[in-house]
Amino acid sequence: MTNVESESKHRRARRGKRDQLLTLINGWDPAGVLHESGRRDQYEFMVDDLLAFLEREGDKGDIATFLDRQISDRFGSKPEGSAQFATKALSWFRIESDEQS
């Protein structure tokens, strides 16, 4: 496999992870905005940073704090269940990473 093919494969895998993570966040809907707007991209703004946290194996508390801050800054409300979602996201990421190996 050439470097170009390898890089392309890596980009597709990362895009897939981003899409899956956005789907998880949308399922949680921390600001309760999806039912009003119907737009799938409401939480797109934080997907890359959250994925970076997961890749660095951030701990649940740091991830929950990050989520609280992001939602509060963007929507003016504190989400419920940040710690539970952080646990879910960490579990998803570990499973996803194992499947990619």
PDB file of N, CA and C in Angstrom:
ATOM      1  N   MET A   1       0.850  -1.177   0.000  1.00  0.00           N
ATOM      2  CA  MET A   1       0.000   0.000   0.000  1.00  0.00           C
ATOM      3  C   MET A   1       0.894   1.239   0.000  1.00  0.00           C
ATOM      4  N   THR A   2       0.595   2.175  -0.868  1.00  0.00           N
ATOM      5  CA  THR A   2       1.382   3.395  -0.950  1.00  0.00           C
ATOM      6  C   THR A   2       1.006   4.341   0.186  1.00  0.00           C
ATOM      7  N   ASN A   3       1.825   5.355   0.376  1.00  0.00           N
ATOM      8  CA  ASN A   3       1.541   6.357   1.410  1.00  0.00           C
ATOM      9  C   ASN A   3       0.230   7.075   1.131  1.00  0.00           C
ATOM     10  N   VAL A   4      -0.036   7.354  -0.140  1.00  0.00           N
ATOM     11  CA  VAL A   4      -1.270   8.048  -0.511  1.00  0.00           C
ATOM     12  C   VAL A   4      -2.480   7.178  -0.184  1.00  0.00           C
ATOM     13  N   GLU A   5      -2.398   5.886  -0.504  1.00  0.00           N
ATOM     14  CA  GLU A   5      -3.494   4.974  -0.194  1.00  0.00           C
ATOM     15  C   GLU A   5      -3.691   4.839   1.309  1.00  0.00           C
ATOM     16  N   SER A   6      -2.594   4.753   2.035  1.00  0.00           N
ATOM     17  CA  SER A   6      -2.658   4.637   3.489  1.00  0.00           C
ATOM     18  C   SER A   6      -3.272   5.888   4.114  1.00  0.00           C
ATOM     19  N   GLU A   7      -2.855   7.043   3.622  1.00  0.00           N
ATOM     20  CA  GLU A   7      -3.400   8.305   4.141  1.00  0.00           C
ATOM     21  C   GLU A   7      -4.887   8.421   3.825  1.00  0.00           C
ATOM     22  N   SER A   8      -5.278   8.010   2.640  1.00  0.00           N
ATOM     23  CA  SER A   8      -6.684   8.049   2.257  1.00  0.00           C
ATOM     24  C   SER A   8      -7.515   7.115   3.143  1.00  0.00           C
ATOM     25  N   LYS A   9      -6.990   5.948   3.428  1.00  0.00           N
ATOM     26  CA  LYS A   9      -7.675   4.989   4.297  1.00  0.00           C
ATOM     27  C   LYS A   9      -7.829   5.569   5.708  1.00  0.00           C
ATOM     28  N   HIS A  10      -6.778   6.218   6.196  1.00  0.00           N
ATOM     29  CA  HIS A  10      -6.815   6.839   7.525  1.00  0.00           C
ATOM     30  C   HIS A  10      -7.874   7.941   7.582  1.00  0.00           C
ATOM     31  N   ARG A  11      -7.947   8.771   6.531  1.00  0.00           N
ATOM     32  CA  ARG A  11      -8.941   9.852   6.484  1.00  0.00           C
ATOM     33  C   ARG A  11     -10.360   9.292   6.481  1.00  0.00           C
ATOM     34  N   ARG A  12     -10.589   8.225   5.712  1.00  0.00           N
ATOM     35  CA  ARG A  12     -11.923   7.609   5.683  1.00  0.00           C
ATOM     36  C   ARG A  12     -12.284   7.034   7.047  1.00  0.00           C
ATOM     37  N   ALA A  13     -11.320   6.400   7.709  1.00  0.00           N
ATOM     38  CA  ALA A  13     -11.578   5.830   9.035  1.00  0.00           C
ATOM     39  C   ALA A  13     -11.891   6.939  10.033  1.00  0.00           C
ATOM     40  N   ARG A  14     -11.167   8.028   9.979  1.00  0.00           N
ATOM     41  CA  ARG A  14     -11.405   9.145  10.901  1.00  0.00           C
ATOM     42  C   ARG A  14     -12.769   9.776  10.619  1.00  0.00           C
ATOM     43  N   ARG A  15     -13.107   9.946   9.360  1.00  0.00           N
ATOM     44  CA  ARG A  15     -14.416  10.499   8.996  1.00  0.00           C
ATOM     45  C   ARG A  15     -15.535   9.596   9.511  1.00  0.00           C
ATOM     46  N   GLY A  16     -15.324   8.291   9.409  1.00  0.00           N
ATOM     47  CA  GLY A  16     -16.310   7.346   9.937  1.00  0.00           C
ATOM     48  C   GLY A  16     -16.471   7.482  11.439  1.00  0.00           C
ATOM     49  N   LYS A  17     -15.345   7.643  12.144  1.00  0.00           N
ATOM     50  CA  LYS A  17     -15.405   7.840  13.596  1.00  0.00           C
ATOM     51  C   LYS A  17     -16.125   9.137  13.936  1.00  0.00           C
ATOM     52  N   ARG A  18     -15.825  10.194  13.182  1.00  0.00           N
ATOM     53  CA  ARG A  18     -16.488  11.485  13.422  1.00  0.00           C
ATOM     54  C   ARG A  18     -17.999  11.338  13.253  1.00  0.00           C
ATOM     55  N   ASP A  19     -18.407  10.674  12.173  1.00  0.00           N
ATOM     56  CA  ASP A  19     -19.844  10.494  11.922  1.00  0.00           C
ATOM     57  C   ASP A  19     -20.502   9.686  13.031  1.00  0.00           C
ATOM     58  N   GLN A  20     -19.840   8.628  13.470  1.00  0.00           N
ATOM     59  CA  GLN A  20     -20.395   7.797  14.541  1.00  0.00           C
ATOM     60  C   GLN A  20     -20.480   8.575  15.846  1.00  0.00           C
ATOM     61  N   LEU A  21     -19.432   9.341  16.147  1.00  0.00           N
ATOM     62  CA  LEU A  21     -19.430  10.133  17.381  1.00  0.00           C
ATOM     63  C   LEU A  21     -20.531  11.195  17.336  1.00  0.00           C
ATOM     64  N   LEU A  22     -20.715  11.835  16.198  1.00  0.00           N
ATOM     65  CA  LEU A  22     -21.792  12.817  16.072  1.00  0.00           C
ATOM     66  C   LEU A  22     -23.146  12.145  16.277  1.00  0.00           C
ATOM     67  N   THR A  23     -23.311  10.942  15.768  1.00  0.00           N
ATOM     68  CA  THR A  23     -24.556  10.202  15.971  1.00  0.00           C
ATOM     69  C   THR A  23     -24.783   9.917  17.458  1.00  0.00           C
ATOM     70  N   LEU A  24     -23.716   9.562  18.173  1.00  0.00           N
ATOM     71  CA  LEU A  24     -23.829   9.333  19.626  1.00  0.00           C
ATOM     72  C   LEU A  24     -24.245  10.616  20.351  1.00  0.00           C
ATOM     73  N   ILE A  25     -23.593  11.715  19.997  1.00  0.00           N
ATOM     74  CA  ILE A  25     -23.917  12.994  20.638  1.00  0.00           C
ATOM     75  C   ILE A  25     -25.363  13.379  20.331  1.00  0.00           C
ATOM     76  N   ASN A  26     -25.767  13.205  19.086  1.00  0.00           N
ATOM     77  CA  ASN A  26     -27.148  13.532  18.716  1.00  0.00           C
ATOM     78  C   ASN A  26     -28.147  12.678  19.489  1.00  0.00           C
ATOM     79  N   GLY A  27     -27.798  11.422  19.732  1.00  0.00           N
ATOM     80  CA  GLY A  27     -28.670  10.561  20.527  1.00  0.00           C
ATOM     81  C   GLY A  27     -28.813  11.066  21.949  1.00  0.00           C
ATOM     82  N   TRP A  28     -27.772  11.654  22.469  1.00  0.00           N
ATOM     83  CA  TRP A  28     -27.797  12.233  23.813  1.00  0.00           C
ATOM     84  C   TRP A  28     -28.536  13.578  23.780  1.00  0.00           C
ATOM     85  N   ASP A  29     -28.291  14.378  22.746  1.00  0.00           N
ATOM     86  CA  ASP A  29     -28.884  15.707  22.572  1.00  0.00           C
ATOM     87  C   ASP A  29     -28.756  16.541  23.851  1.00  0.00           C
ATOM     88  N   PRO A  30     -27.513  16.863  24.240  1.00  0.00           N
ATOM     89  CA  PRO A  30     -27.274  17.503  25.535  1.00  0.00           C
ATOM     90  C   PRO A  30     -27.943  18.853  25.745  1.00  0.00           C
ATOM     91  N   ALA A  31     -28.220  19.583  24.694  1.00  0.00           N
ATOM     92  CA  ALA A  31     -28.876  20.887  24.848  1.00  0.00           C
ATOM     93  C   ALA A  31     -30.360  20.815  24.503  1.00  0.00           C
ATOM     94  N   GLY A  32     -30.831  19.646  24.111  1.00  0.00           N
ATOM     95  CA  GLY A  32     -32.238  19.483  23.784  1.00  0.00           C
ATOM     96  C   GLY A  32     -32.688  20.313  22.596  1.00  0.00           C
ATOM     97  N   VAL A  33     -31.814  20.444  21.593  1.00  0.00           N
ATOM     98  CA  VAL A  33     -32.136  21.305  20.457  1.00  0.00           C
ATOM     99  C   VAL A  33     -32.532  20.546  19.188  1.00  0.00           C
ATOM    100  N   LEU A  34     -32.292  19.258  19.140  1.00  0.00           N
ATOM    101  CA  LEU A  34     -32.542  18.531  17.890  1.00  0.00           C
ATOM    102  C   LEU A  34     -34.015  18.420  17.554  1.00  0.00           C
ATOM    103  N   HIS A  35     -34.845  18.249  18.554  1.00  0.00           N
ATOM    104  CA  HIS A  35     -36.271  18.142  18.265  1.00  0.00           C
ATOM    105  C   HIS A  35     -36.843  19.451  17.730  1.00  0.00           C
ATOM    106  N   GLU A  36     -36.221  20.575  18.096  1.00  0.00           N
ATOM    107  CA  GLU A  36     -36.683  21.879  17.619  1.00  0.00           C
ATOM    108  C   GLU A  36     -36.169  22.188  16.219  1.00  0.00           C
ATOM    109  N   SER A  37     -34.895  21.927  15.989  1.00  0.00           N
ATOM    110  CA  SER A  37     -34.287  22.337  14.729  1.00  0.00           C
ATOM    111  C   SER A  37     -34.317  21.244  13.665  1.00  0.00           C
ATOM    112  N   GLY A  38     -34.210  20.000  14.105  1.00  0.00           N
ATOM    113  CA  GLY A  38     -34.158  18.901  13.161  1.00  0.00           C
ATOM    114  C   GLY A  38     -32.846  18.831  12.400  1.00  0.00           C
ATOM    115  N   ARG A  39     -31.914  19.703  12.707  1.00  0.00           N
ATOM    116  CA  ARG A  39     -30.615  19.732  12.028  1.00  0.00           C
ATOM    117  C   ARG A  39     -29.633  18.811  12.731  1.00  0.00           C
ATOM    118  N   ARG A  40     -29.055  17.887  11.989  1.00  0.00           N
ATOM    119  CA  ARG A  40     -28.124  16.905  12.525  1.00  0.00           C
ATOM    120  C   ARG A  40     -26.789  17.533  12.936  1.00  0.00           C
ATOM    121  N   ASP A  41     -26.461  18.712  12.453  1.00  0.00           N
ATOM    122  CA  ASP A  41     -25.145  19.305  12.663  1.00  0.00           C
ATOM    123  C   ASP A  41     -25.053  20.236  13.880  1.00  0.00           C
ATOM    124  N   GLN A  42     -26.041  20.247  14.743  1.00  0.00           N
ATOM    125  CA  GLN A  42     -26.041  21.153  15.896  1.00  0.00           C
ATOM    126  C   GLN A  42     -24.808  20.972  16.788  1.00  0.00           C
ATOM    127  N   TYR A  43     -24.292  19.769  16.886  1.00  0.00           N
ATOM    128  CA  TYR A  43     -23.158  19.489  17.778  1.00  0.00           C
ATOM    129  C   TYR A  43     -21.857  19.245  17.023  1.00  0.00           C
ATOM    130  N   GLU A  44     -21.865  19.513  15.740  1.00  0.00           N
ATOM    131  CA  GLU A  44     -20.686  19.324  14.892  1.00  0.00           C
ATOM    132  C   GLU A  44     -19.480  20.100  15.427  1.00  0.00           C
ATOM    133  N   PHE A  45     -19.726  21.256  16.021  1.00  0.00           N
ATOM    134  CA  PHE A  45     -18.662  22.147  16.483  1.00  0.00           C
ATOM    135  C   PHE A  45     -17.721  21.499  17.501  1.00  0.00           C
ATOM    136  N   MET A  46     -18.164  20.469  18.192  1.00  0.00           N
ATOM    137  CA  MET A  46     -17.307  19.899  19.238  1.00  0.00           C
ATOM    138  C   MET A  46     -16.808  18.492  18.935  1.00  0.00           C
ATOM    139  N   VAL A  47     -17.155  17.940  17.799  1.00  0.00           N
ATOM    140  CA  VAL A  47     -16.797  16.553  17.495  1.00  0.00           C
ATOM    141  C   VAL A  47     -15.285  16.359  17.408  1.00  0.00           C
ATOM    142  N   ASP A  48     -14.581  17.227  16.697  1.00  0.00           N
ATOM    143  CA  ASP A  48     -13.133  17.050  16.539  1.00  0.00           C
ATOM    144  C   ASP A  48     -12.402  17.121  17.872  1.00  0.00           C
ATOM    145  N   ASP A  49     -12.776  18.094  18.710  1.00  0.00           N
ATOM    146  CA  ASP A  49     -12.114  18.216  20.014  1.00  0.00           C
ATOM    147  C   ASP A  49     -12.430  17.027  20.917  1.00  0.00           C
ATOM    148  N   LEU A  50     -13.660  16.566  20.876  1.00  0.00           N
ATOM    149  CA  LEU A  50     -14.021  15.399  21.687  1.00  0.00           C
ATOM    150  C   LEU A  50     -13.286  14.163  21.188  1.00  0.00           C
ATOM    151  N   LEU A  51     -13.189  13.999  19.895  1.00  0.00           N
ATOM    152  CA  LEU A  51     -12.448  12.873  19.343  1.00  0.00           C
ATOM    153  C   LEU A  51     -10.978  12.941  19.749  1.00  0.00           C
ATOM    154  N   ALA A  52     -10.409  14.136  19.778  1.00  0.00           N
ATOM    155  CA  ALA A  52      -9.019  14.311  20.221  1.00  0.00           C
ATOM    156  C   ALA A  52      -8.862  13.899  21.689  1.00  0.00           C
ATOM    157  N   PHE A  53      -9.827  14.272  22.538  1.00  0.00           N
ATOM    158  CA  PHE A  53      -9.808  13.839  23.940  1.00  0.00           C
ATOM    159  C   PHE A  53      -9.782  12.313  24.014  1.00  0.00           C
ATOM    160  N   LEU A  54     -10.634  11.682  23.246  1.00  0.00           N
ATOM    161  CA  LEU A  54     -10.736  10.224  23.272  1.00  0.00           C
ATOM    162  C   LEU A  54      -9.452   9.575  22.760  1.00  0.00           C
ATOM    163  N   GLU A  55      -8.858  10.160  21.736  1.00  0.00           N
ATOM    164  CA  GLU A  55      -7.609   9.618  21.198  1.00  0.00           C
ATOM    165  C   GLU A  55      -6.471   9.735  22.202  1.00  0.00           C
ATOM    166  N   ARG A  56      -6.492  10.781  23.021  1.00  0.00           N
ATOM    167  CA  ARG A  56      -5.462  10.958  24.060  1.00  0.00           C
ATOM    168  C   ARG A  56      -5.789  10.164  25.317  1.00  0.00           C
ATOM    169  N   GLU A  57      -6.873   9.410  25.263  1.00  0.00           N
ATOM    170  CA  GLU A  57      -7.324   8.617  26.402  1.00  0.00           C
ATOM    171  C   GLU A  57      -7.577   9.498  27.621  1.00  0.00           C
ATOM    172  N   GLY A  58      -8.264  10.609  27.383  1.00  0.00           N
ATOM    173  CA  GLY A  58      -8.656  11.490  28.470  1.00  0.00           C
ATOM    174  C   GLY A  58      -9.545  10.751  29.448  1.00  0.00           C
ATOM    175  N   ASP A  59      -9.561  11.214  30.685  1.00  0.00           N
ATOM    176  CA  ASP A  59     -10.398  10.503  31.659  1.00  0.00           C
ATOM    177  C   ASP A  59     -11.828  11.035  31.627  1.00  0.00           C
ATOM    178  N   LYS A  60     -12.714  10.260  32.207  1.00  0.00           N
ATOM    179  CA  LYS A  60     -14.144  10.552  32.172  1.00  0.00           C
ATOM    180  C   LYS A  60     -14.457  11.938  32.734  1.00  0.00           C
ATOM    181  N   GLY A  61     -13.804  12.311  33.825  1.00  0.00           N
ATOM    182  CA  GLY A  61     -14.064  13.611  34.447  1.00  0.00           C
ATOM    183  C   GLY A  61     -13.680  14.771  33.551  1.00  0.00           C
ATOM    184  N   ASP A  62     -12.524  14.676  32.904  1.00  0.00           N
ATOM    185  CA  ASP A  62     -12.090  15.738  31.986  1.00  0.00           C
ATOM    186  C   ASP A  62     -13.022  15.844  30.790  1.00  0.00           C
ATOM    187  N   ILE A  63     -13.453  14.714  30.278  1.00  0.00           N
ATOM    188  CA  ILE A  63     -14.359  14.717  29.131  1.00  0.00           C
ATOM    189  C   ILE A  63     -15.705  15.313  29.523  1.00  0.00           C
ATOM    190  N   ALA A  64     -16.228  14.946  30.688  1.00  0.00           N
ATOM    191  CA  ALA A  64     -17.505  15.489  31.154  1.00  0.00           C
ATOM    192  C   ALA A  64     -17.408  17.003  31.341  1.00  0.00           C
ATOM    193  N   THR A  65     -16.300  17.477  31.898  1.00  0.00           N
ATOM    194  CA  THR A  65     -16.094  18.916  32.080  1.00  0.00           C
ATOM    195  C   THR A  65     -16.042  19.623  30.735  1.00  0.00           C
ATOM    196  N   PHE A  66     -15.332  19.025  29.783  1.00  0.00           N
ATOM    197  CA  PHE A  66     -15.275  19.578  28.429  1.00  0.00           C
ATOM    198  C   PHE A  66     -16.677  19.687  27.829  1.00  0.00           C
ATOM    199  N   LEU A  67     -17.453  18.620  27.942  1.00  0.00           N
ATOM    200  CA  LEU A  67     -18.808  18.615  27.388  1.00  0.00           C
ATOM    201  C   LEU A  67     -19.676  19.685  28.050  1.00  0.00           C
ATOM    202  N   ASP A  68     -19.613  19.771  29.367  1.00  0.00           N
ATOM    203  CA  ASP A  68     -20.388  20.794  30.088  1.00  0.00           C
ATOM    204  C   ASP A  68     -20.042  22.193  29.588  1.00  0.00           C
ATOM    205  N   ARG A  69     -18.752  22.456  29.451  1.00  0.00           N
ATOM    206  CA  ARG A  69     -18.291  23.785  29.033  1.00  0.00           C
ATOM    207  C   ARG A  69     -18.734  24.091  27.597  1.00  0.00           C
ATOM    208  N   GLN A  70     -18.571  23.124  26.709  1.00  0.00           N
ATOM    209  CA  GLN A  70     -18.955  23.336  25.314  1.00  0.00           C
ATOM    210  C   GLN A  70     -20.444  23.653  25.171  1.00  0.00           C
ATOM    211  N   ILE A  71     -21.267  22.866  25.838  1.00  0.00           N
ATOM    212  CA  ILE A  71     -22.713  23.059  25.727  1.00  0.00           C
ATOM    213  C   ILE A  71     -23.140  24.360  26.409  1.00  0.00           C
ATOM    214  N   SER A  72     -22.564  24.638  27.557  1.00  0.00           N
ATOM    215  CA  SER A  72     -22.892  25.873  28.270  1.00  0.00           C
ATOM    216  C   SER A  72     -22.496  27.101  27.457  1.00  0.00           C
ATOM    217  N   ASP A  73     -21.295  27.083  26.893  1.00  0.00           N
ATOM    218  CA  ASP A  73     -20.824  28.226  26.106  1.00  0.00           C
ATOM    219  C   ASP A  73     -21.664  28.430  24.850  1.00  0.00           C
ATOM    220  N   ARG A  74     -22.053  27.353  24.211  1.00  0.00           N
ATOM    221  CA  ARG A  74     -22.772  27.449  22.929  1.00  0.00           C
ATOM    222  C   ARG A  74     -24.279  27.665  23.092  1.00  0.00           C
ATOM    223  N   PHE A  75     -24.861  26.987  24.085  1.00  0.00           N
ATOM    224  CA  PHE A  75     -26.321  27.004  24.205  1.00  0.00           C
ATOM    225  C   PHE A  75     -26.827  27.650  25.491  1.00  0.00           C
ATOM    226  N   GLY A  76     -25.922  27.971  26.420  1.00  0.00           N
ATOM    227  CA  GLY A  76     -26.322  28.639  27.645  1.00  0.00           C
ATOM    228  C   GLY A  76     -27.008  27.744  28.660  1.00  0.00           C
ATOM    229  N   SER A  77     -26.818  26.437  28.531  1.00  0.00           N
ATOM    230  CA  SER A  77     -27.430  25.516  29.493  1.00  0.00           C
ATOM    231  C   SER A  77     -26.423  24.437  29.859  1.00  0.00           C
ATOM    232  N   LYS A  78     -26.608  23.875  31.047  1.00  0.00           N
ATOM    233  CA  LYS A  78     -25.733  22.781  31.483  1.00  0.00           C
ATOM    234  C   LYS A  78     -26.432  21.460  31.152  1.00  0.00           C
ATOM    235  N   PRO A  79     -25.743  20.598  30.412  1.00  0.00           N
ATOM    236  CA  PRO A  79     -26.380  19.331  30.035  1.00  0.00           C
ATOM    237  C   PRO A  79     -26.480  18.371  31.209  1.00  0.00           C
ATOM    238  N   GLU A  80     -27.475  17.521  31.151  1.00  0.00           N
ATOM    239  CA  GLU A  80     -27.595  16.451  32.139  1.00  0.00           C
ATOM    240  C   GLU A  80     -26.913  15.206  31.591  1.00  0.00           C
ATOM    241  N   GLY A  81     -26.297  14.460  32.462  1.00  0.00           N
ATOM    242  CA  GLY A  81     -25.726  13.180  32.063  1.00  0.00           C
ATOM    243  C   GLY A  81     -24.378  13.246  31.387  1.00  0.00           C
ATOM    244  N   SER A  82     -23.610  14.299  31.619  1.00  0.00           N
ATOM    245  CA  SER A  82     -22.294  14.419  30.978  1.00  0.00           C
ATOM    246  C   SER A  82     -21.360  13.284  31.364  1.00  0.00           C
ATOM    247  N   ALA A  83     -21.341  12.928  32.630  1.00  0.00           N
ATOM    248  CA  ALA A  83     -20.453  11.843  33.079  1.00  0.00           C
ATOM    249  C   ALA A  83     -20.855  10.516  32.447  1.00  0.00           C
ATOM    250  N   GLN A  84     -22.154  10.268  32.359  1.00  0.00           N
ATOM    251  CA  GLN A  84     -22.626   9.025  31.745  1.00  0.00           C
ATOM    252  C   GLN A  84     -22.286   9.004  30.259  1.00  0.00           C
ATOM    253  N   PHE A  85     -22.446  10.148  29.591  1.00  0.00           N
ATOM    254  CA  PHE A  85     -22.109  10.191  28.173  1.00  0.00           C
ATOM    255  C   PHE A  85     -20.606  10.025  27.976  1.00  0.00           C
ATOM    256  N   ALA A  86     -19.799  10.624  28.852  1.00  0.00           N
ATOM    257  CA  ALA A  86     -18.340  10.469  28.754  1.00  0.00           C
ATOM    258  C   ALA A  86     -17.965   8.990  28.844  1.00  0.00           C
ATOM    259  N   THR A  87     -18.593   8.257  29.756  1.00  0.00           N
ATOM    260  CA  THR A  87     -18.341   6.821  29.885  1.00  0.00           C
ATOM    261  C   THR A  87     -18.734   6.095  28.601  1.00  0.00           C
ATOM    262  N   LYS A  88     -19.879   6.443  28.067  1.00  0.00           N
ATOM    263  CA  LYS A  88     -20.357   5.818  26.820  1.00  0.00           C
ATOM    264  C   LYS A  88     -19.405   6.120  25.667  1.00  0.00           C
ATOM    265  N   ALA A  89     -18.975   7.368  25.556  1.00  0.00           N
ATOM    266  CA  ALA A  89     -18.064   7.751  24.477  1.00  0.00           C
ATOM    267  C   ALA A  89     -16.726   7.031  24.598  1.00  0.00           C
ATOM    268  N   LEU A  90     -16.206   6.918  25.818  1.00  0.00           N
ATOM    269  CA  LEU A  90     -14.951   6.192  26.027  1.00  0.00           C
ATOM    270  C   LEU A  90     -15.094   4.727  25.642  1.00  0.00           C
ATOM    271  N   SER A  91     -16.182   4.110  26.035  1.00  0.00           N
ATOM    272  CA  SER A  91     -16.415   2.707  25.689  1.00  0.00           C
ATOM    273  C   SER A  91     -16.532   2.532  24.178  1.00  0.00           C
ATOM    274  N   TRP A  92     -17.308   3.404  23.545  1.00  0.00           N
ATOM    275  CA  TRP A  92     -17.452   3.347  22.090  1.00  0.00           C
ATOM    276  C   TRP A  92     -16.095   3.481  21.413  1.00  0.00           C
ATOM    277  N   PHE A  93     -15.286   4.452  21.871  1.00  0.00           N
ATOM    278  CA  PHE A  93     -14.001   4.702  21.231  1.00  0.00           C
ATOM    279  C   PHE A  93     -13.077   3.499  21.372  1.00  0.00           C
ATOM    280  N   ARG A  94     -13.051   2.885  22.531  1.00  0.00           N
ATOM    281  CA  ARG A  94     -12.192   1.711  22.728  1.00  0.00           C
ATOM    282  C   ARG A  94     -12.613   0.566  21.811  1.00  0.00           C
ATOM    283  N   ILE A  95     -13.903   0.331  21.720  1.00  0.00           N
ATOM    284  CA  ILE A  95     -14.405  -0.734  20.842  1.00  0.00           C
ATOM    285  C   ILE A  95     -14.081  -0.406  19.385  1.00  0.00           C
ATOM    286  N   GLU A  96     -14.339   0.807  18.981  1.00  0.00           N
ATOM    287  CA  GLU A  96     -14.071   1.243  17.604  1.00  0.00           C
ATOM    288  C   GLU A  96     -12.586   1.119  17.275  1.00  0.00           C
ATOM    289  N   SER A  97     -11.736   1.513  18.212  1.00  0.00           N
ATOM    290  CA  SER A  97     -10.292   1.441  17.990  1.00  0.00           C
ATOM    291  C   SER A  97      -9.816  -0.005  17.906  1.00  0.00           C
ATOM    292  N   ASP A  98     -10.380  -0.881  18.723  1.00  0.00           N
ATOM    293  CA  ASP A  98     -10.021  -2.290  18.655  1.00  0.00           C
ATOM    294  C   ASP A  98     -10.411  -2.896  17.315  1.00  0.00           C
ATOM    295  N   GLU A  99     -11.549  -2.487  16.780  1.00  0.00           N
ATOM    296  CA  GLU A  99     -12.007  -3.006  15.483  1.00  0.00           C
ATOM    297  C   GLU A  99     -11.125  -2.513  14.352  1.00  0.00           C
ATOM    298  N   GLN A 100     -10.549  -1.330  14.488  1.00  0.00           N
ATOM    299  CA  GLN A 100      -9.670  -0.773  13.457  1.00  0.00           C
ATOM    300  C   GLN A 100      -8.301  -1.431  13.459  1.00  0.00           C
ATOM    301  N   SER A 101      -7.924  -2.046  14.574  1.00  0.00           N
ATOM    302  CA  SER A 101      -6.589  -2.653  14.700  1.00  0.00           C
ATOM    303  C   SER A 101      -6.475  -3.926  13.918  1.00  0.00           C
TER     304      SER A 101
END
